[in-house]
């Protein structure tokens, strides 16, 4: 018996579809068993994957880690283990950059198993009762928040950082952060914009992540709208009490990018003693028909185009997939420089505490640039260059 150890993230969306597909996979390959563990949402974004790769064969990862994985040879390159036609099919299932985001300097370091982006959640019934329409611009979001007192956004450390990147890229484009760091003018503008939101949002927002907001929206009637939340299809199922609806987060006309791309890729540790068995499961769980049916129906948020375009899946979820598709297609792909995860972890705290305590936008932006210089600016191995395996 081959026993694989897998690590995912702590939410039904991250665990239940893996448990279910592991059962059906084991029926096809009874000689392979997979044992899954989970880590917190914060650990998913920040905890060093290089440490996890020493212990686990299968890892659910975020795409900004690709540069670090490439530099240190932490994850396998699927090009070396999967037939070309299989990878071609996965590429054909891409929405926006949901497959490319795990490809670094030609190495395919993960496969898309879950797609998400920063969108808006809302309670349709509360909007109808209030006689209001959905906001179509960021200014209208601020107006709605000011008028109702019922708008929240995730300004906790991890997500306020994602909002900052989203705003900067929407205004300046994909070069908002380059090898030299931030575009400072637009970084200051983005932080000032977050301040404008913070002043009118529900005060609890400064501590919230998307799950906390959507749990509350589903449980009570105090929040009618929440922009800049990563979409969670689990809250959109029409058979839930108080199902949530989802739509793109409004920015402004001619925004250069939509909000940032999230989602999850399935990777195999280069340290695994059972690489071929782990690749076999990764191939299975990312098959389009598995994604569209078994993965989705067991609580997942699929990472394949067919699943997102499925009439059946959209009917069950109030058009969750179709209503957020444009954000996915136009989403901002975060930088993937080696060192990004450590840099990001520091910046999350700096930005959240800075806004919480009223530090000037210029000072916060300068601190972020200094952290970039420390953790990334002098770091060899930018994308497009050859790196030394350490």
Protein backbone atom coordinates (compact mmCIF):
# COMPACT_ATOMS: atom_id res chain seq x y z
CA UNK A 1 0.00 0.00 0.00
CA UNK A 2 1.29 3.45 -0.97
CA UNK A 3 0.25 6.10 1.57
CA UNK A 4 0.35 9.72 0.44
CA UNK A 5 0.12 12.65 2.84
CA UNK A 6 -1.69 15.74 1.63
CA UNK A 7 -2.11 19.24 3.09
CA UNK A 8 -4.98 21.58 2.27
CA UNK A 9 -6.64 24.60 3.90
CA UNK A 10 -9.19 24.76 6.66
CA UNK A 11 -12.58 25.26 5.02
CA UNK A 12 -15.19 22.88 3.64
CA UNK A 13 -14.34 24.18 0.16
CA UNK A 14 -10.72 23.16 0.68
CA UNK A 15 -11.23 19.78 2.34
CA UNK A 16 -14.54 18.10 1.45
CA UNK A 17 -13.98 17.73 -2.32
CA UNK A 18 -10.55 16.24 -1.68
CA UNK A 19 -11.95 13.70 0.74
CA UNK A 20 -14.70 12.73 -1.69
CA UNK A 21 -12.47 12.46 -4.75
CA UNK A 22 -9.92 10.50 -2.71
CA UNK A 23 -12.59 7.86 -2.10
CA UNK A 24 -13.40 7.46 -5.78
CA UNK A 25 -9.71 7.60 -6.70
CA UNK A 26 -8.98 4.80 -4.22
CA UNK A 27 -11.60 2.62 -5.91
CA UNK A 28 -9.72 3.00 -9.19
CA UNK A 29 -6.30 2.65 -7.58
CA UNK A 30 -6.76 0.56 -4.41
CA UNK A 31 -3.01 0.37 -3.89
CA UNK A 32 -2.89 4.14 -3.16
CA UNK A 33 -4.32 5.80 -0.05
CA UNK A 34 -4.26 9.55 0.71
CA UNK A 35 -4.45 11.10 4.16
CA UNK A 36 -5.39 14.79 4.23
CA UNK A 37 -4.61 17.38 6.88
CA UNK A 38 -5.60 21.05 6.91
CA UNK A 39 -3.99 24.37 7.86
CA UNK A 40 -5.56 27.73 8.63
CA UNK A 41 -6.41 30.22 5.92
CA UNK A 42 -3.62 32.55 7.15
CA UNK A 43 -1.11 29.70 7.09
CA UNK A 44 -2.23 28.89 3.56
CA UNK A 45 -1.19 32.34 2.41
CA UNK A 46 1.91 32.80 4.56
CA UNK A 47 3.39 29.57 5.98
CA UNK A 48 6.58 28.47 4.19
CA UNK A 49 5.60 25.78 1.70
CA UNK A 50 9.21 24.59 1.63
CA UNK A 51 8.69 23.28 5.16
CA UNK A 52 5.42 21.56 4.25
CA UNK A 53 7.03 19.95 1.21
CA UNK A 54 9.38 18.04 3.49
CA UNK A 55 6.42 16.29 5.16
CA UNK A 56 3.66 16.12 2.53
CA UNK A 57 3.45 14.57 -0.92
CA UNK A 58 0.48 16.60 -2.17
CA UNK A 59 0.14 20.30 -1.40
CA UNK A 60 -2.59 22.84 -2.12
CA UNK A 61 -0.72 26.08 -2.89
CA UNK A 62 -1.27 29.72 -3.82
CA UNK A 63 0.31 30.88 -7.10
CA UNK A 64 2.58 33.65 -5.68
CA UNK A 65 4.72 30.83 -4.23
CA UNK A 66 5.74 29.71 -7.74
CA UNK A 67 8.92 31.78 -7.84
CA UNK A 68 10.16 30.45 -4.52
CA UNK A 69 9.29 26.88 -5.51
CA UNK A 70 11.17 27.28 -8.78
CA UNK A 71 14.24 28.80 -7.20
CA UNK A 72 14.63 26.12 -4.55
CA UNK A 73 13.33 23.15 -6.58
CA UNK A 74 10.59 22.48 -4.01
CA UNK A 75 7.83 21.20 -6.32
CA UNK A 76 7.94 18.87 -9.31
CA UNK A 77 7.50 20.09 -12.86
CA UNK A 78 4.39 18.35 -14.22
CA UNK A 79 5.91 18.56 -17.70
CA UNK A 80 8.28 15.80 -16.60
CA UNK A 81 5.57 13.49 -15.29
CA UNK A 82 2.35 14.07 -17.26
CA UNK A 83 1.67 13.37 -20.94
CA UNK A 84 1.68 16.46 -23.11
CA UNK A 85 -1.92 15.92 -24.19
CA UNK A 86 -3.10 15.82 -20.56
CA UNK A 87 -1.45 19.15 -19.79
CA UNK A 88 -2.79 20.56 -23.04
CA UNK A 89 -6.32 19.73 -21.90
CA UNK A 90 -5.73 21.45 -18.56
CA UNK A 91 -4.51 24.53 -20.42
CA UNK A 92 -7.63 24.49 -22.61
CA UNK A 93 -9.72 24.55 -19.41
CA UNK A 94 -8.09 27.80 -18.31
CA UNK A 95 -10.06 30.95 -17.46
CA UNK A 96 -7.94 34.07 -17.69
CA UNK A 97 -4.57 33.05 -16.25
CA UNK A 98 -5.71 30.28 -13.93
CA UNK A 99 -3.35 27.71 -15.50
CA UNK A 100 -0.47 30.03 -16.45
CA UNK A 101 -0.23 31.39 -12.92
CA UNK A 102 1.37 28.11 -11.80
CA UNK A 103 3.85 28.05 -14.68
CA UNK A 104 7.18 29.66 -13.87
CA UNK A 105 9.97 29.85 -16.44
CA UNK A 106 8.40 26.96 -18.34
CA UNK A 107 7.91 24.68 -15.35
CA UNK A 108 4.31 23.72 -14.53
CA UNK A 109 4.54 23.64 -10.73
CA UNK A 110 0.83 23.13 -9.94
CA UNK A 111 -2.50 22.47 -11.65
CA UNK A 112 -5.58 24.58 -11.08
CA UNK A 113 -8.00 22.72 -8.83
CA UNK A 114 -9.93 25.71 -7.44
CA UNK A 115 -10.57 29.17 -8.94
CA UNK A 116 -11.47 32.31 -7.04
CA UNK A 117 -11.05 36.08 -7.21
CA UNK A 118 -12.01 39.14 -5.18
CA UNK A 119 -15.65 39.84 -5.99
CA UNK A 120 -18.73 41.14 -4.12
CA UNK A 121 -21.18 39.19 -1.98
CA UNK A 122 -24.66 40.50 -1.30
CA UNK A 123 -28.09 39.62 0.06
CA UNK A 124 -30.55 40.02 -2.80
CA UNK A 125 -33.54 39.95 -0.46
CA UNK A 126 -32.17 42.82 1.65
CA UNK A 127 -31.49 44.95 -1.43
CA UNK A 128 -35.03 44.38 -2.64
CA UNK A 129 -36.44 45.26 0.77
CA UNK A 130 -34.40 48.45 0.83
CA UNK A 131 -35.43 49.37 -2.70
CA UNK A 132 -31.81 49.92 -3.78
CA UNK A 133 -29.80 48.72 -6.75
CA UNK A 134 -26.33 47.23 -6.64
CA UNK A 135 -23.50 49.76 -6.75
CA UNK A 136 -21.77 50.06 -10.13
CA UNK A 137 -18.73 52.13 -9.13
CA UNK A 138 -16.47 52.39 -6.12
CA UNK A 139 -18.00 55.77 -5.34
CA UNK A 140 -21.43 54.12 -5.20
CA UNK A 141 -20.04 51.48 -2.84
CA UNK A 142 -18.93 54.27 -0.50
CA UNK A 143 -22.31 55.98 -0.85
CA UNK A 144 -24.17 52.74 -0.05
CA UNK A 145 -22.01 52.18 3.01
CA UNK A 146 -22.54 55.73 4.23
CA UNK A 147 -26.31 55.63 3.70
CA UNK A 148 -27.05 52.20 5.17
CA UNK A 149 -24.32 51.31 7.66
CA UNK A 150 -24.67 47.77 6.33
CA UNK A 151 -21.59 47.37 4.15
CA UNK A 152 -18.55 45.40 5.31
CA UNK A 153 -15.31 44.50 3.57
CA UNK A 154 -12.46 42.21 4.69
CA UNK A 155 -9.82 44.59 6.01
CA UNK A 156 -8.09 42.02 8.20
CA UNK A 157 -4.35 41.72 7.55
CA UNK A 158 -4.31 39.25 4.66
CA UNK A 159 -7.24 40.68 2.75
CA UNK A 160 -6.47 44.38 3.17
CA UNK A 161 -3.21 43.60 1.38
CA UNK A 162 -5.16 41.94 -1.45
CA UNK A 163 -7.44 45.00 -1.70
CA UNK A 164 -4.38 47.26 -1.85
CA UNK A 165 -2.92 45.23 -4.74
CA UNK A 166 -6.29 45.14 -6.50
CA UNK A 167 -6.76 48.90 -6.37
CA UNK A 168 -3.22 49.65 -7.44
CA UNK A 169 -3.36 47.27 -10.40
CA UNK A 170 -6.82 48.46 -11.43
CA UNK A 171 -5.55 52.04 -11.61
CA UNK A 172 -2.03 51.51 -12.96
CA UNK A 173 -2.06 48.05 -14.56
CA UNK A 174 -0.08 44.86 -14.12
CA UNK A 175 3.16 46.80 -13.58
CA UNK A 176 1.92 48.20 -10.28
CA UNK A 177 4.60 46.04 -8.64
CA UNK A 178 7.74 45.25 -10.65
CA UNK A 179 11.30 44.07 -9.89
CA UNK A 180 11.94 47.58 -8.56
CA UNK A 181 8.97 47.49 -6.22
CA UNK A 182 5.83 49.63 -6.00
CA UNK A 183 4.67 52.39 -8.26
CA UNK A 184 4.69 54.80 -5.32
CA UNK A 185 2.19 57.35 -6.64
CA UNK A 186 -0.45 54.69 -7.13
CA UNK A 187 0.47 52.87 -3.93
CA UNK A 188 -0.29 56.04 -1.95
CA UNK A 189 -3.49 56.50 -3.93
CA UNK A 190 -4.60 52.91 -3.18
CA UNK A 191 -4.00 53.34 0.56
CA UNK A 192 -5.92 56.62 0.56
CA UNK A 193 -8.75 54.79 -1.20
CA UNK A 194 -8.73 52.12 1.52
CA UNK A 195 -9.00 54.92 4.08
CA UNK A 196 -12.04 56.26 2.24
CA UNK A 197 -13.64 52.82 2.52
CA UNK A 198 -12.61 52.27 6.13
CA UNK A 199 -14.31 55.49 7.24
CA UNK A 200 -17.74 54.33 6.04
CA UNK A 201 -17.60 50.55 6.38
CA UNK A 202 -18.88 48.70 9.41
CA UNK A 203 -16.11 49.17 12.00
CA UNK A 204 -15.66 45.42 12.50
CA UNK A 205 -14.32 45.26 8.95
CA UNK A 206 -10.78 46.00 10.11
CA UNK A 207 -10.65 42.52 11.71
CA UNK A 208 -12.67 40.54 9.17
CA UNK A 209 -11.73 38.01 6.52
CA UNK A 210 -14.24 36.94 3.83
CA UNK A 211 -15.37 33.82 5.66
CA UNK A 212 -16.25 35.79 8.79
CA UNK A 213 -18.24 38.29 6.74
CA UNK A 214 -20.13 35.66 4.76
CA UNK A 215 -20.86 33.58 7.83
CA UNK A 216 -22.45 36.67 9.38
CA UNK A 217 -24.33 37.57 6.19
CA UNK A 218 -25.80 34.07 6.10
CA UNK A 219 -26.68 34.07 9.79
CA UNK A 220 -28.24 37.51 10.26
CA UNK A 221 -29.51 40.55 8.36
CA UNK A 222 -26.96 43.16 9.44
CA UNK A 223 -24.77 43.10 6.29
CA UNK A 224 -26.37 43.56 2.89
CA UNK A 225 -23.24 44.02 0.77
CA UNK A 226 -19.56 43.08 0.96
CA UNK A 227 -17.11 44.10 -1.78
CA UNK A 228 -13.55 42.77 -2.13
CA UNK A 229 -14.43 39.30 -0.81
CA UNK A 230 -12.94 36.20 -2.36
CA UNK A 231 -15.89 34.34 -3.82
CA UNK A 232 -17.10 31.25 -1.94
CA UNK A 233 -19.61 29.18 -3.87
CA UNK A 234 -20.55 27.32 -0.68
CA UNK A 235 -22.53 30.38 0.44
CA UNK A 236 -24.36 30.67 -2.88
CA UNK A 237 -26.15 27.32 -2.97
CA UNK A 238 -29.85 28.06 -3.36
CA UNK A 239 -30.87 25.38 -0.85
CA UNK A 240 -29.14 27.27 2.00
CA UNK A 241 -30.92 29.48 4.48
CA UNK A 242 -30.20 33.04 3.34
CA UNK A 243 -28.13 32.17 0.25
CA UNK A 244 -25.71 34.86 -0.88
CA UNK A 245 -25.46 36.23 -4.38
CA UNK A 246 -22.15 37.19 -5.96
CA UNK A 247 -21.10 39.69 -8.60
CA UNK A 248 -17.98 41.54 -9.70
CA UNK A 249 -16.62 44.15 -7.31
CA UNK A 250 -17.27 47.52 -8.99
CA UNK A 251 -14.26 49.72 -9.60
CA UNK A 252 -14.56 52.43 -12.27
CA UNK A 253 -14.85 52.74 -16.03
CA UNK A 254 -11.70 51.68 -17.87
CA UNK A 255 -10.06 50.02 -14.86
CA UNK A 256 -6.92 48.38 -16.24
CA UNK A 257 -7.37 45.13 -14.30
CA UNK A 258 -10.06 43.52 -12.18
CA UNK A 259 -9.41 42.50 -8.57
CA UNK A 260 -6.73 39.94 -7.79
CA UNK A 261 -6.81 36.28 -8.73
CA UNK A 262 -7.00 33.77 -5.90
CA UNK A 263 -7.73 30.08 -6.10
CA UNK A 264 -5.65 26.99 -5.39
CA UNK A 265 -3.30 24.75 -7.30
CA UNK A 266 -2.46 21.14 -6.52
CA UNK A 267 1.28 20.49 -6.42
CA UNK A 268 3.54 17.52 -5.73
CA UNK A 269 6.58 17.80 -3.49
CA UNK A 270 9.91 17.16 -5.18
CA UNK A 271 10.89 15.42 -1.93
CA UNK A 272 8.09 12.85 -2.18
CA UNK A 273 9.11 9.20 -2.29
CA UNK A 274 5.94 8.45 -4.28
CA UNK A 275 5.88 11.13 -6.96
CA UNK A 276 4.20 9.02 -9.64
CA UNK A 277 1.34 8.02 -7.30
CA UNK A 278 0.84 11.65 -6.25
CA UNK A 279 0.82 12.79 -9.88
CA UNK A 280 -1.79 10.16 -10.63
CA UNK A 281 -4.18 11.72 -8.08
CA UNK A 282 -3.42 15.25 -9.30
CA UNK A 283 -4.31 14.16 -12.82
CA UNK A 284 -7.51 12.53 -11.57
CA UNK A 285 -8.81 15.42 -9.45
CA UNK A 286 -8.22 17.93 -12.26
CA UNK A 287 -10.04 15.95 -14.94
CA UNK A 288 -12.73 18.26 -16.37
CA UNK A 289 -15.63 15.87 -15.73
CA UNK A 290 -14.46 15.19 -12.15
CA UNK A 291 -14.22 18.93 -11.55
CA UNK A 292 -17.62 19.65 -13.06
CA UNK A 293 -19.51 17.01 -11.14
CA UNK A 294 -17.91 15.16 -8.23
CA UNK A 295 -15.58 17.93 -7.09
CA UNK A 296 -18.27 20.62 -7.28
CA UNK A 297 -21.13 18.56 -5.84
CA UNK A 298 -19.04 17.56 -2.81
CA UNK A 299 -18.49 21.19 -1.80
CA UNK A 300 -15.65 22.37 -4.02
CA UNK A 301 -15.19 25.47 -6.13
CA UNK A 302 -13.79 24.01 -9.34
CA UNK A 303 -10.68 25.08 -11.18
CA UNK A 304 -11.84 24.20 -14.70
CA UNK A 305 -13.75 26.12 -17.38
CA UNK A 306 -16.37 23.42 -18.07
CA UNK A 307 -17.43 23.44 -14.42
CA UNK A 308 -17.76 27.24 -14.41
CA UNK A 309 -19.81 27.31 -17.60
CA UNK A 310 -22.10 24.44 -16.56
CA UNK A 311 -25.80 25.34 -16.67
CA UNK A 312 -26.44 22.81 -13.91
CA UNK A 313 -23.81 24.23 -11.57
CA UNK A 314 -24.98 27.79 -12.15
CA UNK A 315 -28.62 26.82 -11.60
CA UNK A 316 -27.77 25.33 -8.20
CA UNK A 317 -25.82 28.40 -7.10
CA UNK A 318 -27.75 31.41 -8.38
CA UNK A 319 -25.31 31.86 -11.29
CA UNK A 320 -22.34 32.21 -8.95
CA UNK A 321 -19.90 31.21 -11.67
CA UNK A 322 -21.30 33.22 -14.57
CA UNK A 323 -21.83 36.32 -12.43
CA UNK A 324 -18.16 36.48 -11.39
CA UNK A 325 -16.62 35.23 -14.65
CA UNK A 326 -15.46 38.63 -15.88
CA UNK A 327 -13.42 39.22 -12.75
CA UNK A 328 -11.75 35.82 -13.18
CA UNK A 329 -10.91 36.56 -16.80
CA UNK A 330 -9.52 40.04 -16.07
CA UNK A 331 -8.06 39.37 -12.63
CA UNK A 332 -4.72 40.81 -11.57
CA UNK A 333 -2.04 38.15 -11.27
CA UNK A 334 0.03 38.88 -8.18
CA UNK A 335 3.83 38.94 -8.50
CA UNK A 336 5.56 35.61 -8.01
CA UNK A 337 9.08 36.73 -7.16
CA UNK A 338 11.14 34.51 -4.87
CA UNK A 339 10.64 35.87 -1.37
CA UNK A 340 7.13 37.17 -2.10
CA UNK A 341 5.42 35.14 0.63
CA UNK A 342 7.68 36.43 3.41
CA UNK A 343 7.39 39.98 2.07
CA UNK A 344 3.59 39.65 1.87
CA UNK A 345 3.31 38.38 5.43
CA UNK A 346 5.14 41.45 6.75
CA UNK A 347 3.16 43.88 4.57
CA UNK A 348 -0.21 42.49 5.65
CA UNK A 349 0.47 43.49 9.23
CA UNK A 350 2.03 46.85 8.37
CA UNK A 351 -0.94 47.85 6.19
CA UNK A 352 -3.63 46.66 8.59
CA UNK A 353 -2.03 48.30 11.62
CA UNK A 354 -1.26 51.45 9.65
CA UNK A 355 -4.87 51.94 8.59
CA UNK A 356 -6.16 50.94 12.02
CA UNK A 357 -4.02 53.59 13.73
CA UNK A 358 -4.23 56.31 11.08
CA UNK A 359 -0.66 56.39 9.79
CA UNK A 360 -0.25 58.54 6.67
CA UNK A 361 -0.58 56.72 3.37
CA UNK A 362 2.83 57.98 2.21
CA UNK A 363 4.51 56.52 5.29
CA UNK A 364 2.81 53.14 4.91
CA UNK A 365 3.74 52.97 1.23
CA UNK A 366 7.36 53.85 1.99
CA UNK A 367 7.55 51.12 4.64
CA UNK A 368 6.18 48.57 2.14
CA UNK A 369 8.82 49.64 -0.40
CA UNK A 370 11.56 49.23 2.21
CA UNK A 371 10.30 45.72 2.95
CA UNK A 372 10.32 44.96 -0.77
CA UNK A 373 13.94 46.07 -0.99
CA UNK A 374 14.81 43.86 1.97
CA UNK A 375 13.07 40.65 0.97
CA UNK A 376 12.89 40.81 -2.83
CA UNK A 377 14.86 43.70 -4.34
CA UNK A 378 18.27 42.12 -3.78
CA UNK A 379 16.98 38.59 -4.35
CA UNK A 380 18.39 36.87 -7.48
CA UNK A 381 16.15 34.73 -9.61
CA UNK A 382 13.43 36.97 -11.00
CA UNK A 383 11.15 35.35 -13.51
CA UNK A 384 12.90 34.92 -16.83
CA UNK A 385 16.32 34.34 -15.24
CA UNK A 386 17.95 31.04 -14.42
CA UNK A 387 18.16 30.27 -10.70
CA UNK A 388 20.53 28.15 -8.70
CA UNK A 389 18.87 25.29 -6.83
CA UNK A 390 19.80 25.67 -3.17
